[in-house]
Each structure stands twice: as structure tokens, then as C-alpha cells.
Amino acid sequence: MKSSLPVLAMFAAGCLAGHLGQLPGWLTSEQMTTVVLGLLLFFVGTTLGSNPRLGEIVRSLSPRLLLVPLATAAGTLAASAGVGLLLAHRNAVECMAVGSGFAYYSLSSVLITRLAEPSLGAAAAAELGTIALMANIIREISVLIFTPLIVRRFGPLAPICAGGATTMDTTLPVITRYCGTQWVFIAVIHALLLDFSVPFFVSFFCSLL
């Protein structure tokens, strides 16, 4: 939960700055979004690439391990589509774009805001990006809070799937504690593959809007 507070604080500060007109006059909001998106993708790449265990993880992949992130992606997208069918003001594609952040709230919210703008307009795209930010933060916080209950009711793989792309960083300690150290390797691979998939899934669903 503490790891999400700085993100929420920066989000609130950005809303306030935009409302008060404190953005640099020489930089439009669209240009700023593009710059931030480029930097974010760059740092995501450097974070993954600088992992000293990246080569070991890739070499040790087995087809069975791929079933865990596949199950996470399939379950998330199916549930998101179902939510979209229940909401009058949101369609299934919009909800699937939000869900395909897989709890990677910082990247998915910026991507959606940027990529949905041509089809939805700036205001609607920003609103959808905000929904993605909040939905994926709530997903992370829910895993941090409810992992003991999830493990008891559904087993050790359930909180890993629920944690999405966070299971190699913020939610890894709670998963290690309640699921056991034998699940750490699977949790790391699971998050690594979902991290790579977020830009592709979000881009795909935003292209359908």
C-alpha cells in the first residue's frame, strides 16, 4: 500500500497543476504525454534488461511455466469483458484495455491516455487512463491485503495470478510469506512475461476503440 501512495500523490499533483494552468507554455499536454511515455518505456526496458537473472530466467523457461501468465491474461481479459457488458457507459473493449494493464498502473494509464486519444478525444482518453490507474492500483492493494485469505481459499497460485505484473516487486514479499519460497521463481517469471505483454495488449485494445 505504501508503494502506491507516491503514485497517487503525483497523480493528484498533476491534476492540480493542470487545473491551475501551471504546465509549461511551450509544451502541450500531448507532447508531454509523448515524452513521459517514451521515458517510461525506456526505463521499463532498462529495468528488465539490467536484471542480472534475466538470462537465467529466460534460459530456464519451460512450457508449463507459461501457463501461469497465460491463465492470468485470459482470466483478466475475460473478467474485464464481462464487466464491460454490465456497464452501460463503458464497452467491453475499453474495459479490456484497462484490464490489460495487469496491475502495471503507471505504464498502462499513460499508454491508454496517449493511444486512446485519436479515437475517444483528449478528455475521454484521460478519463479512461485515470480509470486504468485506479483499477490497477486497487488490484495491487487487494493482493497485498487479501493474500492470506486468497491462499487459504484458492491455493498458492491464486495470489500470483491476482498480482499480475507486480509479483516480482511490490507483492513478492507477501506472496513469499504466505505461498512459500518455492513459488518465488514462478512469481518472478509470471511478472516478467506480463511486463513485456502490457504495451502490446494495451496498444491492441486501444486500436479497436
N, C-alpha and C. Protein backbone atom coordinates (compact mmCIF):
# COMPACT_ATOMS: atom_id res chain seq x y z
N MET A 1 0.82 -1.19 0.00
CA MET A 1 0.00 0.00 0.00
C MET A 1 0.86 1.26 0.00
N LYS A 2 1.96 1.23 0.79
CA LYS A 2 2.82 2.40 0.87
C LYS A 2 3.44 2.73 -0.48
N SER A 3 3.73 1.68 -1.30
CA SER A 3 4.35 1.92 -2.60
C SER A 3 3.42 2.64 -3.56
N SER A 4 2.11 2.57 -3.32
CA SER A 4 1.14 3.22 -4.20
C SER A 4 0.89 4.67 -3.82
N LEU A 5 1.21 5.05 -2.59
CA LEU A 5 0.92 6.41 -2.14
C LEU A 5 1.68 7.48 -2.94
N PRO A 6 2.99 7.30 -3.24
CA PRO A 6 3.67 8.31 -4.06
C PRO A 6 3.04 8.48 -5.44
N VAL A 7 2.57 7.37 -6.02
CA VAL A 7 1.93 7.45 -7.35
C VAL A 7 0.65 8.26 -7.26
N LEU A 8 -0.16 7.99 -6.23
CA LEU A 8 -1.40 8.74 -6.05
C LEU A 8 -1.12 10.21 -5.78
N ALA A 9 -0.06 10.48 -5.02
CA ALA A 9 0.30 11.87 -4.72
C ALA A 9 0.73 12.61 -5.99
N MET A 10 1.53 11.95 -6.83
CA MET A 10 1.96 12.58 -8.08
C MET A 10 0.77 12.78 -9.02
N PHE A 11 -0.13 11.82 -9.03
CA PHE A 11 -1.33 11.95 -9.85
C PHE A 11 -2.16 13.15 -9.41
N ALA A 12 -2.35 13.28 -8.11
CA ALA A 12 -3.12 14.42 -7.58
C ALA A 12 -2.42 15.74 -7.87
N ALA A 13 -1.09 15.75 -7.74
CA ALA A 13 -0.34 16.97 -8.04
C ALA A 13 -0.46 17.35 -9.51
N GLY A 14 -0.44 16.34 -10.39
CA GLY A 14 -0.60 16.62 -11.82
C GLY A 14 -1.97 17.17 -12.14
N CYS A 15 -3.01 16.60 -11.52
CA CYS A 15 -4.37 17.11 -11.73
C CYS A 15 -4.47 18.57 -11.29
N LEU A 16 -3.87 18.87 -10.15
CA LEU A 16 -3.93 20.23 -9.63
C LEU A 16 -3.16 21.20 -10.52
N ALA A 17 -1.97 20.76 -10.99
CA ALA A 17 -1.17 21.62 -11.86
C ALA A 17 -1.89 21.90 -13.18
N GLY A 18 -2.51 20.86 -13.74
CA GLY A 18 -3.25 21.06 -14.98
C GLY A 18 -4.45 21.96 -14.79
N HIS A 19 -5.16 21.79 -13.67
CA HIS A 19 -6.34 22.61 -13.40
C HIS A 19 -5.98 24.08 -13.20
N LEU A 20 -4.83 24.32 -12.58
CA LEU A 20 -4.41 25.70 -12.31
C LEU A 20 -3.62 26.32 -13.47
N GLY A 21 -3.41 25.54 -14.55
CA GLY A 21 -2.69 26.06 -15.70
C GLY A 21 -1.22 26.27 -15.44
N GLN A 22 -0.61 25.39 -14.67
CA GLN A 22 0.80 25.54 -14.30
C GLN A 22 1.75 24.75 -15.21
N LEU A 23 1.23 24.19 -16.30
CA LEU A 23 2.09 23.48 -17.22
C LEU A 23 2.91 24.46 -18.05
N PRO A 24 4.14 24.08 -18.48
CA PRO A 24 4.95 24.98 -19.31
C PRO A 24 4.21 25.38 -20.58
N GLY A 25 4.25 26.68 -20.91
CA GLY A 25 3.53 27.16 -22.07
C GLY A 25 4.05 26.63 -23.38
N TRP A 26 5.34 26.29 -23.41
CA TRP A 26 5.94 25.83 -24.67
C TRP A 26 5.74 24.34 -24.90
N LEU A 27 5.09 23.65 -23.95
CA LEU A 27 4.91 22.21 -24.06
C LEU A 27 3.43 21.87 -23.94
N THR A 28 2.84 21.34 -25.00
CA THR A 28 1.43 20.96 -24.95
C THR A 28 1.26 19.68 -24.15
N SER A 29 0.02 19.42 -23.72
CA SER A 29 -0.24 18.21 -22.95
C SER A 29 0.03 16.96 -23.77
N GLU A 30 -0.25 17.02 -25.08
CA GLU A 30 0.01 15.86 -25.95
C GLU A 30 1.51 15.59 -26.04
N GLN A 31 2.31 16.67 -26.20
CA GLN A 31 3.76 16.49 -26.27
C GLN A 31 4.31 15.95 -24.96
N MET A 32 3.78 16.45 -23.85
CA MET A 32 4.24 15.99 -22.55
C MET A 32 3.93 14.51 -22.35
N THR A 33 2.74 14.08 -22.77
CA THR A 33 2.36 12.68 -22.65
C THR A 33 3.29 11.80 -23.47
N THR A 34 3.64 12.27 -24.68
CA THR A 34 4.54 11.51 -25.54
C THR A 34 5.92 11.37 -24.91
N VAL A 35 6.43 12.47 -24.35
CA VAL A 35 7.75 12.44 -23.70
C VAL A 35 7.74 11.49 -22.50
N VAL A 36 6.70 11.61 -21.66
CA VAL A 36 6.61 10.77 -20.48
C VAL A 36 6.48 9.30 -20.87
N LEU A 37 5.68 9.02 -21.89
CA LEU A 37 5.51 7.65 -22.35
C LEU A 37 6.83 7.07 -22.85
N GLY A 38 7.56 7.86 -23.64
CA GLY A 38 8.85 7.39 -24.15
C GLY A 38 9.83 7.10 -23.02
N LEU A 39 9.91 8.01 -22.05
CA LEU A 39 10.80 7.79 -20.91
C LEU A 39 10.40 6.58 -20.09
N LEU A 40 9.09 6.42 -19.91
CA LEU A 40 8.60 5.30 -19.11
C LEU A 40 8.95 3.97 -19.77
N LEU A 41 8.73 3.86 -21.07
CA LEU A 41 9.06 2.64 -21.78
C LEU A 41 10.56 2.37 -21.76
N PHE A 42 11.35 3.44 -21.86
CA PHE A 42 12.80 3.29 -21.80
C PHE A 42 13.24 2.72 -20.45
N PHE A 43 12.70 3.28 -19.38
CA PHE A 43 13.09 2.82 -18.04
C PHE A 43 12.55 1.43 -17.73
N VAL A 44 11.38 1.09 -18.28
CA VAL A 44 10.90 -0.28 -18.14
C VAL A 44 11.88 -1.24 -18.80
N GLY A 45 12.32 -0.89 -20.00
CA GLY A 45 13.28 -1.73 -20.71
C GLY A 45 14.59 -1.86 -19.98
N THR A 46 15.11 -0.75 -19.43
CA THR A 46 16.38 -0.82 -18.71
C THR A 46 16.24 -1.62 -17.41
N THR A 47 15.08 -1.52 -16.77
CA THR A 47 14.86 -2.29 -15.54
C THR A 47 14.88 -3.78 -15.82
N LEU A 48 14.17 -4.17 -16.88
CA LEU A 48 14.15 -5.59 -17.24
C LEU A 48 15.50 -6.06 -17.75
N GLY A 49 16.12 -5.24 -18.60
CA GLY A 49 17.39 -5.64 -19.18
C GLY A 49 18.54 -5.69 -18.20
N SER A 50 18.49 -4.88 -17.15
CA SER A 50 19.58 -4.85 -16.17
C SER A 50 19.43 -5.90 -15.08
N ASN A 51 18.34 -6.64 -15.10
CA ASN A 51 18.16 -7.71 -14.12
C ASN A 51 19.24 -8.77 -14.33
N PRO A 52 20.12 -8.98 -13.33
CA PRO A 52 21.23 -9.93 -13.54
C PRO A 52 20.76 -11.36 -13.75
N ARG A 53 19.51 -11.65 -13.37
CA ARG A 53 18.98 -13.01 -13.53
C ARG A 53 18.14 -13.17 -14.78
N LEU A 54 18.09 -12.12 -15.64
CA LEU A 54 17.22 -12.18 -16.80
C LEU A 54 17.60 -13.34 -17.72
N GLY A 55 18.90 -13.49 -18.01
CA GLY A 55 19.34 -14.57 -18.87
C GLY A 55 19.04 -15.93 -18.28
N GLU A 56 19.27 -16.06 -16.97
CA GLU A 56 18.97 -17.32 -16.29
C GLU A 56 17.49 -17.65 -16.34
N ILE A 57 16.66 -16.62 -16.14
CA ILE A 57 15.21 -16.82 -16.16
C ILE A 57 14.74 -17.25 -17.54
N VAL A 58 15.24 -16.57 -18.57
CA VAL A 58 14.82 -16.89 -19.94
C VAL A 58 15.26 -18.31 -20.31
N ARG A 59 16.52 -18.67 -19.95
CA ARG A 59 17.03 -20.00 -20.30
C ARG A 59 16.28 -21.12 -19.58
N SER A 60 15.76 -20.82 -18.41
CA SER A 60 15.11 -21.87 -17.62
C SER A 60 13.61 -21.97 -17.86
N LEU A 61 13.10 -21.18 -18.79
CA LEU A 61 11.66 -21.22 -19.06
C LEU A 61 11.25 -22.59 -19.60
N SER A 62 10.16 -23.09 -19.10
CA SER A 62 9.59 -24.33 -19.63
C SER A 62 8.17 -24.02 -20.08
N PRO A 63 7.65 -24.79 -21.01
CA PRO A 63 6.28 -24.51 -21.49
C PRO A 63 5.24 -24.51 -20.38
N ARG A 64 5.44 -25.32 -19.34
CA ARG A 64 4.46 -25.39 -18.27
C ARG A 64 4.40 -24.08 -17.48
N LEU A 65 5.55 -23.41 -17.33
CA LEU A 65 5.56 -22.15 -16.60
C LEU A 65 4.77 -21.07 -17.32
N LEU A 66 4.70 -21.17 -18.64
CA LEU A 66 3.96 -20.18 -19.42
C LEU A 66 2.46 -20.24 -19.16
N LEU A 67 1.98 -21.35 -18.61
CA LEU A 67 0.55 -21.47 -18.35
C LEU A 67 0.07 -20.48 -17.28
N VAL A 68 0.95 -20.11 -16.35
CA VAL A 68 0.52 -19.21 -15.27
C VAL A 68 0.23 -17.81 -15.81
N PRO A 69 1.18 -17.15 -16.51
CA PRO A 69 0.82 -15.84 -17.07
C PRO A 69 -0.27 -15.90 -18.13
N LEU A 70 -0.35 -17.01 -18.86
CA LEU A 70 -1.43 -17.16 -19.83
C LEU A 70 -2.79 -17.21 -19.12
N ALA A 71 -2.83 -17.94 -18.00
CA ALA A 71 -4.07 -18.01 -17.23
C ALA A 71 -4.43 -16.64 -16.66
N THR A 72 -3.42 -15.90 -16.19
CA THR A 72 -3.66 -14.56 -15.67
C THR A 72 -4.22 -13.64 -16.75
N ALA A 73 -3.59 -13.67 -17.92
CA ALA A 73 -4.04 -12.80 -19.01
C ALA A 73 -5.45 -13.18 -19.47
N ALA A 74 -5.69 -14.47 -19.65
CA ALA A 74 -7.01 -14.92 -20.12
C ALA A 74 -8.10 -14.59 -19.10
N GLY A 75 -7.83 -14.86 -17.83
CA GLY A 75 -8.82 -14.59 -16.80
C GLY A 75 -9.10 -13.10 -16.64
N THR A 76 -8.04 -12.30 -16.69
CA THR A 76 -8.21 -10.85 -16.55
C THR A 76 -9.02 -10.28 -17.70
N LEU A 77 -8.69 -10.67 -18.91
CA LEU A 77 -9.39 -10.13 -20.07
C LEU A 77 -10.83 -10.61 -20.14
N ALA A 78 -11.07 -11.88 -19.75
CA ALA A 78 -12.44 -12.39 -19.74
C ALA A 78 -13.29 -11.64 -18.71
N ALA A 79 -12.72 -11.43 -17.52
CA ALA A 79 -13.45 -10.70 -16.48
C ALA A 79 -13.68 -9.25 -16.88
N SER A 80 -12.68 -8.64 -17.51
CA SER A 80 -12.82 -7.25 -17.96
C SER A 80 -13.91 -7.12 -19.01
N ALA A 81 -13.95 -8.08 -19.94
CA ALA A 81 -15.01 -8.06 -20.95
C ALA A 81 -16.37 -8.23 -20.31
N GLY A 82 -16.45 -9.10 -19.30
CA GLY A 82 -17.71 -9.29 -18.61
C GLY A 82 -18.19 -8.03 -17.91
N VAL A 83 -17.25 -7.33 -17.28
CA VAL A 83 -17.60 -6.05 -16.64
C VAL A 83 -18.09 -5.05 -17.68
N GLY A 84 -17.44 -5.04 -18.84
CA GLY A 84 -17.86 -4.12 -19.90
C GLY A 84 -19.27 -4.38 -20.38
N LEU A 85 -19.69 -5.63 -20.35
CA LEU A 85 -21.05 -5.97 -20.75
C LEU A 85 -22.09 -5.52 -19.73
N LEU A 86 -21.65 -5.36 -18.48
CA LEU A 86 -22.57 -4.97 -17.42
C LEU A 86 -22.70 -3.45 -17.27
N LEU A 87 -21.71 -2.71 -17.75
CA LEU A 87 -21.71 -1.26 -17.59
C LEU A 87 -22.35 -0.59 -18.79
N ALA A 88 -23.24 0.32 -18.53
CA ALA A 88 -23.95 1.00 -19.62
C ALA A 88 -23.07 2.02 -20.33
N HIS A 89 -22.14 2.64 -19.59
CA HIS A 89 -21.36 3.74 -20.17
C HIS A 89 -19.95 3.31 -20.57
N ARG A 90 -19.62 2.01 -20.47
CA ARG A 90 -18.32 1.50 -20.90
C ARG A 90 -18.54 0.24 -21.71
N ASN A 91 -17.81 0.10 -22.83
CA ASN A 91 -17.93 -1.11 -23.61
C ASN A 91 -16.84 -2.11 -23.23
N ALA A 92 -16.94 -3.31 -23.76
CA ALA A 92 -16.03 -4.39 -23.39
C ALA A 92 -14.59 -4.07 -23.79
N VAL A 93 -14.40 -3.43 -24.95
CA VAL A 93 -13.04 -3.13 -25.41
C VAL A 93 -12.35 -2.14 -24.47
N GLU A 94 -13.08 -1.12 -24.03
CA GLU A 94 -12.49 -0.16 -23.09
C GLU A 94 -12.10 -0.85 -21.79
N CYS A 95 -12.96 -1.72 -21.29
CA CYS A 95 -12.66 -2.42 -20.04
C CYS A 95 -11.49 -3.39 -20.22
N MET A 96 -11.37 -4.01 -21.40
CA MET A 96 -10.25 -4.90 -21.64
C MET A 96 -8.94 -4.13 -21.78
N ALA A 97 -9.00 -2.92 -22.31
CA ALA A 97 -7.81 -2.07 -22.35
C ALA A 97 -7.35 -1.73 -20.94
N VAL A 98 -8.30 -1.42 -20.06
CA VAL A 98 -7.98 -1.14 -18.66
C VAL A 98 -7.42 -2.38 -17.98
N GLY A 99 -8.08 -3.51 -18.16
CA GLY A 99 -7.64 -4.75 -17.51
C GLY A 99 -6.30 -5.24 -17.99
N SER A 100 -5.94 -4.93 -19.24
CA SER A 100 -4.68 -5.43 -19.79
C SER A 100 -3.46 -4.72 -19.23
N GLY A 101 -3.69 -3.79 -18.28
CA GLY A 101 -2.57 -3.25 -17.54
C GLY A 101 -2.00 -4.25 -16.56
N PHE A 102 -2.78 -5.27 -16.19
CA PHE A 102 -2.33 -6.34 -15.30
C PHE A 102 -1.66 -5.81 -14.03
N ALA A 103 -2.23 -4.74 -13.46
CA ALA A 103 -1.74 -4.09 -12.24
C ALA A 103 -0.51 -3.22 -12.47
N TYR A 104 -0.06 -3.10 -13.72
CA TYR A 104 1.06 -2.19 -14.03
C TYR A 104 0.47 -0.81 -14.28
N TYR A 105 0.06 -0.15 -13.21
CA TYR A 105 -0.75 1.06 -13.32
C TYR A 105 -0.01 2.22 -13.96
N SER A 106 1.27 2.39 -13.67
CA SER A 106 1.99 3.55 -14.20
C SER A 106 2.10 3.50 -15.72
N LEU A 107 2.45 2.34 -16.26
CA LEU A 107 2.61 2.21 -17.71
C LEU A 107 1.27 2.19 -18.42
N SER A 108 0.32 1.39 -17.93
CA SER A 108 -0.94 1.23 -18.64
C SER A 108 -1.74 2.52 -18.68
N SER A 109 -1.74 3.29 -17.60
CA SER A 109 -2.53 4.52 -17.58
C SER A 109 -2.00 5.54 -18.58
N VAL A 110 -0.68 5.66 -18.67
CA VAL A 110 -0.09 6.60 -19.64
C VAL A 110 -0.32 6.12 -21.06
N LEU A 111 -0.15 4.82 -21.30
CA LEU A 111 -0.38 4.28 -22.64
C LEU A 111 -1.81 4.51 -23.10
N ILE A 112 -2.77 4.22 -22.24
CA ILE A 112 -4.17 4.38 -22.61
C ILE A 112 -4.49 5.84 -22.88
N THR A 113 -4.03 6.73 -22.03
CA THR A 113 -4.27 8.16 -22.25
C THR A 113 -3.75 8.62 -23.59
N ARG A 114 -2.58 8.11 -23.96
CA ARG A 114 -1.95 8.53 -25.22
C ARG A 114 -2.59 7.85 -26.43
N LEU A 115 -2.80 6.55 -26.35
CA LEU A 115 -3.24 5.80 -27.53
C LEU A 115 -4.73 5.90 -27.79
N ALA A 116 -5.52 6.17 -26.76
CA ALA A 116 -6.97 6.26 -26.96
C ALA A 116 -7.42 7.64 -27.41
N GLU A 117 -6.52 8.61 -27.35
CA GLU A 117 -6.91 9.98 -27.68
C GLU A 117 -7.42 10.16 -29.11
N PRO A 118 -6.77 9.55 -30.14
CA PRO A 118 -7.28 9.77 -31.50
C PRO A 118 -8.72 9.31 -31.71
N SER A 119 -9.13 8.24 -31.02
CA SER A 119 -10.48 7.72 -31.23
C SER A 119 -11.50 8.26 -30.23
N LEU A 120 -11.08 8.54 -29.00
CA LEU A 120 -12.01 8.97 -27.97
C LEU A 120 -11.99 10.48 -27.71
N GLY A 121 -10.91 11.13 -28.11
CA GLY A 121 -10.74 12.53 -27.75
C GLY A 121 -9.92 12.65 -26.47
N ALA A 122 -9.34 13.82 -26.27
CA ALA A 122 -8.41 14.00 -25.15
C ALA A 122 -9.08 13.79 -23.79
N ALA A 123 -10.25 14.35 -23.61
CA ALA A 123 -10.92 14.27 -22.30
C ALA A 123 -11.32 12.83 -21.96
N ALA A 124 -11.93 12.13 -22.92
CA ALA A 124 -12.37 10.76 -22.68
C ALA A 124 -11.18 9.82 -22.51
N ALA A 125 -10.10 10.06 -23.27
CA ALA A 125 -8.90 9.24 -23.13
C ALA A 125 -8.26 9.43 -21.76
N ALA A 126 -8.22 10.69 -21.30
CA ALA A 126 -7.67 10.96 -19.97
C ALA A 126 -8.52 10.30 -18.88
N GLU A 127 -9.83 10.31 -19.08
CA GLU A 127 -10.72 9.67 -18.12
C GLU A 127 -10.49 8.16 -18.08
N LEU A 128 -10.33 7.55 -19.25
CA LEU A 128 -10.08 6.11 -19.30
C LEU A 128 -8.72 5.77 -18.70
N GLY A 129 -7.72 6.63 -18.94
CA GLY A 129 -6.41 6.42 -18.34
C GLY A 129 -6.46 6.52 -16.83
N THR A 130 -7.29 7.43 -16.31
CA THR A 130 -7.46 7.56 -14.86
C THR A 130 -8.12 6.32 -14.27
N ILE A 131 -9.11 5.80 -14.99
CA ILE A 131 -9.76 4.56 -14.54
C ILE A 131 -8.75 3.42 -14.50
N ALA A 132 -7.87 3.35 -15.52
CA ALA A 132 -6.84 2.32 -15.55
C ALA A 132 -5.88 2.47 -14.37
N LEU A 133 -5.51 3.69 -14.06
CA LEU A 133 -4.63 3.94 -12.92
C LEU A 133 -5.25 3.43 -11.63
N MET A 134 -6.50 3.84 -11.38
CA MET A 134 -7.15 3.48 -10.12
C MET A 134 -7.45 1.97 -10.06
N ALA A 135 -7.93 1.40 -11.16
CA ALA A 135 -8.28 -0.02 -11.17
C ALA A 135 -7.07 -0.90 -10.91
N ASN A 136 -5.95 -0.55 -11.52
CA ASN A 136 -4.76 -1.38 -11.36
C ASN A 136 -4.08 -1.16 -10.02
N ILE A 137 -4.18 0.04 -9.46
CA ILE A 137 -3.70 0.26 -8.09
C ILE A 137 -4.53 -0.56 -7.11
N ILE A 138 -5.84 -0.55 -7.29
CA ILE A 138 -6.73 -1.31 -6.41
C ILE A 138 -6.41 -2.81 -6.51
N ARG A 139 -6.07 -3.27 -7.71
CA ARG A 139 -5.72 -4.68 -7.87
C ARG A 139 -4.47 -5.02 -7.05
N GLU A 140 -3.47 -4.16 -7.12
CA GLU A 140 -2.24 -4.40 -6.34
C GLU A 140 -2.52 -4.37 -4.85
N ILE A 141 -3.25 -3.36 -4.39
CA ILE A 141 -3.54 -3.23 -2.97
C ILE A 141 -4.36 -4.41 -2.46
N SER A 142 -5.28 -4.89 -3.29
CA SER A 142 -6.11 -6.03 -2.89
C SER A 142 -5.26 -7.27 -2.63
N VAL A 143 -4.25 -7.48 -3.48
CA VAL A 143 -3.36 -8.64 -3.28
C VAL A 143 -2.55 -8.46 -2.00
N LEU A 144 -2.07 -7.26 -1.75
CA LEU A 144 -1.29 -7.01 -0.53
C LEU A 144 -2.13 -7.27 0.72
N ILE A 145 -3.41 -6.97 0.66
CA ILE A 145 -4.26 -7.11 1.84
C ILE A 145 -4.84 -8.51 1.98
N PHE A 146 -5.29 -9.09 0.87
CA PHE A 146 -6.09 -10.32 0.94
C PHE A 146 -5.34 -11.60 0.59
N THR A 147 -4.03 -11.54 0.37
CA THR A 147 -3.29 -12.75 0.01
C THR A 147 -3.47 -13.89 1.01
N PRO A 148 -3.42 -13.66 2.33
CA PRO A 148 -3.64 -14.79 3.26
C PRO A 148 -4.98 -15.49 3.03
N LEU A 149 -6.03 -14.72 2.81
CA LEU A 149 -7.35 -15.29 2.56
C LEU A 149 -7.39 -16.01 1.22
N ILE A 150 -6.79 -15.40 0.19
CA ILE A 150 -6.79 -16.00 -1.15
C ILE A 150 -6.08 -17.34 -1.13
N VAL A 151 -4.94 -17.41 -0.43
CA VAL A 151 -4.18 -18.67 -0.36
C VAL A 151 -5.00 -19.76 0.32
N ARG A 152 -5.66 -19.41 1.40
CA ARG A 152 -6.45 -20.41 2.13
C ARG A 152 -7.62 -20.94 1.31
N ARG A 153 -8.24 -20.06 0.53
CA ARG A 153 -9.44 -20.46 -0.20
C ARG A 153 -9.13 -21.07 -1.57
N PHE A 154 -8.08 -20.56 -2.25
CA PHE A 154 -7.87 -20.95 -3.64
C PHE A 154 -6.49 -21.54 -3.94
N GLY A 155 -5.57 -21.52 -2.98
CA GLY A 155 -4.26 -22.11 -3.22
C GLY A 155 -3.19 -21.08 -3.56
N PRO A 156 -1.91 -21.51 -3.62
CA PRO A 156 -0.79 -20.57 -3.77
C PRO A 156 -0.68 -19.90 -5.14
N LEU A 157 -1.25 -20.50 -6.17
CA LEU A 157 -1.16 -19.86 -7.49
C LEU A 157 -2.13 -18.69 -7.63
N ALA A 158 -3.20 -18.70 -6.83
CA ALA A 158 -4.23 -17.67 -6.97
C ALA A 158 -3.70 -16.25 -6.71
N PRO A 159 -2.95 -15.98 -5.62
CA PRO A 159 -2.45 -14.62 -5.43
C PRO A 159 -1.40 -14.22 -6.47
N ILE A 160 -0.70 -15.20 -7.03
CA ILE A 160 0.26 -14.87 -8.09
C ILE A 160 -0.49 -14.36 -9.32
N CYS A 161 -1.55 -15.07 -9.70
CA CYS A 161 -2.36 -14.61 -10.84
C CYS A 161 -3.03 -13.28 -10.52
N ALA A 162 -3.53 -13.15 -9.30
CA ALA A 162 -4.19 -11.90 -8.92
C ALA A 162 -3.22 -10.73 -8.91
N GLY A 163 -1.96 -10.97 -8.58
CA GLY A 163 -0.97 -9.90 -8.51
C GLY A 163 -0.53 -9.36 -9.85
N GLY A 164 -0.78 -10.09 -10.92
CA GLY A 164 -0.42 -9.60 -12.24
C GLY A 164 1.05 -9.30 -12.37
N ALA A 165 1.35 -8.12 -12.90
CA ALA A 165 2.74 -7.73 -13.18
C ALA A 165 3.50 -7.29 -11.94
N THR A 166 2.87 -7.32 -10.76
CA THR A 166 3.53 -6.84 -9.54
C THR A 166 4.23 -7.95 -8.77
N THR A 167 4.15 -9.19 -9.25
CA THR A 167 4.61 -10.31 -8.42
C THR A 167 6.12 -10.49 -8.42
N MET A 168 6.86 -9.62 -9.08
CA MET A 168 8.31 -9.67 -8.92
C MET A 168 8.83 -8.45 -8.17
N ASP A 169 7.92 -7.61 -7.66
CA ASP A 169 8.38 -6.46 -6.87
C ASP A 169 7.48 -6.22 -5.66
N THR A 170 6.42 -5.43 -5.81
CA THR A 170 5.67 -4.98 -4.63
C THR A 170 4.94 -6.10 -3.91
N THR A 171 4.36 -7.03 -4.63
CA THR A 171 3.60 -8.09 -3.97
C THR A 171 4.43 -9.35 -3.72
N LEU A 172 5.69 -9.37 -4.16
CA LEU A 172 6.52 -10.57 -3.97
C LEU A 172 6.74 -10.91 -2.49
N PRO A 173 7.00 -9.94 -1.61
CA PRO A 173 7.20 -10.31 -0.19
C PRO A 173 5.99 -11.01 0.42
N VAL A 174 4.79 -10.51 0.17
CA VAL A 174 3.60 -11.13 0.77
C VAL A 174 3.33 -12.49 0.13
N ILE A 175 3.63 -12.64 -1.16
CA ILE A 175 3.48 -13.94 -1.82
C ILE A 175 4.49 -14.94 -1.24
N THR A 176 5.73 -14.49 -1.04
CA THR A 176 6.75 -15.35 -0.45
C THR A 176 6.34 -15.82 0.94
N ARG A 177 5.80 -14.91 1.72
CA ARG A 177 5.43 -15.23 3.11
C ARG A 177 4.29 -16.23 3.19
N TYR A 178 3.25 -16.03 2.39
CA TYR A 178 2.05 -16.85 2.55
C TYR A 178 1.96 -18.01 1.58
N CYS A 179 2.68 -17.94 0.45
CA CYS A 179 2.65 -19.04 -0.51
C CYS A 179 3.84 -19.98 -0.32
N GLY A 180 4.98 -19.42 0.13
CA GLY A 180 6.18 -20.23 0.30
C GLY A 180 7.25 -19.85 -0.69
N THR A 181 8.50 -20.06 -0.30
CA THR A 181 9.63 -19.67 -1.15
C THR A 181 9.69 -20.47 -2.45
N GLN A 182 9.08 -21.64 -2.47
CA GLN A 182 9.12 -22.46 -3.69
C GLN A 182 8.35 -21.82 -4.85
N TRP A 183 7.53 -20.80 -4.54
CA TRP A 183 6.75 -20.15 -5.58
C TRP A 183 7.38 -18.85 -6.06
N VAL A 184 8.51 -18.47 -5.49
CA VAL A 184 9.13 -17.18 -5.84
C VAL A 184 9.54 -17.15 -7.30
N PHE A 185 10.18 -18.23 -7.77
CA PHE A 185 10.66 -18.26 -9.14
C PHE A 185 9.51 -18.13 -10.14
N ILE A 186 8.43 -18.84 -9.88
CA ILE A 186 7.26 -18.75 -10.76
C ILE A 186 6.68 -17.34 -10.73
N ALA A 187 6.63 -16.73 -9.55
CA ALA A 187 6.09 -15.38 -9.43
C ALA A 187 6.92 -14.38 -10.23
N VAL A 188 8.24 -14.54 -10.22
CA VAL A 188 9.12 -13.61 -10.95
C VAL A 188 8.93 -13.78 -12.45
N ILE A 189 8.92 -15.02 -12.92
CA ILE A 189 8.72 -15.26 -14.36
C ILE A 189 7.35 -14.76 -14.81
N HIS A 190 6.35 -15.03 -13.99
CA HIS A 190 4.99 -14.58 -14.27
C HIS A 190 4.94 -13.07 -14.50
N ALA A 191 5.54 -12.31 -13.59
CA ALA A 191 5.52 -10.85 -13.70
C ALA A 191 6.37 -10.37 -14.87
N LEU A 192 7.50 -11.01 -15.09
CA LEU A 192 8.38 -10.61 -16.19
C LEU A 192 7.67 -10.72 -17.53
N LEU A 193 6.98 -11.83 -17.75
CA LEU A 193 6.28 -12.01 -19.03
C LEU A 193 5.10 -11.06 -19.16
N LEU A 194 4.39 -10.81 -18.06
CA LEU A 194 3.28 -9.86 -18.13
C LEU A 194 3.78 -8.44 -18.36
N ASP A 195 4.92 -8.10 -17.77
CA ASP A 195 5.51 -6.77 -18.02
C ASP A 195 5.72 -6.55 -19.51
N PHE A 196 6.28 -7.56 -20.18
CA PHE A 196 6.52 -7.44 -21.61
C PHE A 196 5.22 -7.33 -22.40
N SER A 197 4.16 -7.97 -21.90
CA SER A 197 2.92 -8.05 -22.66
C SER A 197 2.05 -6.80 -22.56
N VAL A 198 2.21 -6.02 -21.49
CA VAL A 198 1.32 -4.87 -21.27
C VAL A 198 1.28 -3.91 -22.46
N PRO A 199 2.43 -3.44 -22.98
CA PRO A 199 2.35 -2.50 -24.12
C PRO A 199 1.62 -3.07 -25.33
N PHE A 200 1.80 -4.37 -25.57
CA PHE A 200 1.17 -4.99 -26.74
C PHE A 200 -0.34 -5.13 -26.55
N PHE A 201 -0.76 -5.61 -25.39
CA PHE A 201 -2.19 -5.76 -25.14
C PHE A 201 -2.91 -4.40 -25.13
N VAL A 202 -2.34 -3.45 -24.40
CA VAL A 202 -2.97 -2.13 -24.31
C VAL A 202 -3.04 -1.48 -25.69
N SER A 203 -1.96 -1.57 -26.45
CA SER A 203 -1.96 -0.98 -27.80
C SER A 203 -3.00 -1.64 -28.69
N PHE A 204 -3.13 -2.96 -28.57
CA PHE A 204 -4.10 -3.68 -29.40
C PHE A 204 -5.53 -3.25 -29.08
N PHE A 205 -5.89 -3.21 -27.81
CA PHE A 205 -7.27 -2.87 -27.47
C PHE A 205 -7.56 -1.39 -27.72
N CYS A 206 -6.56 -0.54 -27.54
CA CYS A 206 -6.78 0.87 -27.86
C CYS A 206 -6.98 1.07 -29.35
N SER A 207 -6.37 0.23 -30.18
CA SER A 207 -6.55 0.34 -31.63
C SER A 207 -7.96 -0.07 -32.05
N LEU A 208 -8.68 -0.79 -31.19
CA LEU A 208 -10.04 -1.22 -31.50
C LEU A 208 -11.11 -0.22 -31.07
N LEU A 209 -10.70 0.80 -30.33
CA LEU A 209 -11.68 1.76 -29.82
C LEU A 209 -12.28 2.60 -30.94
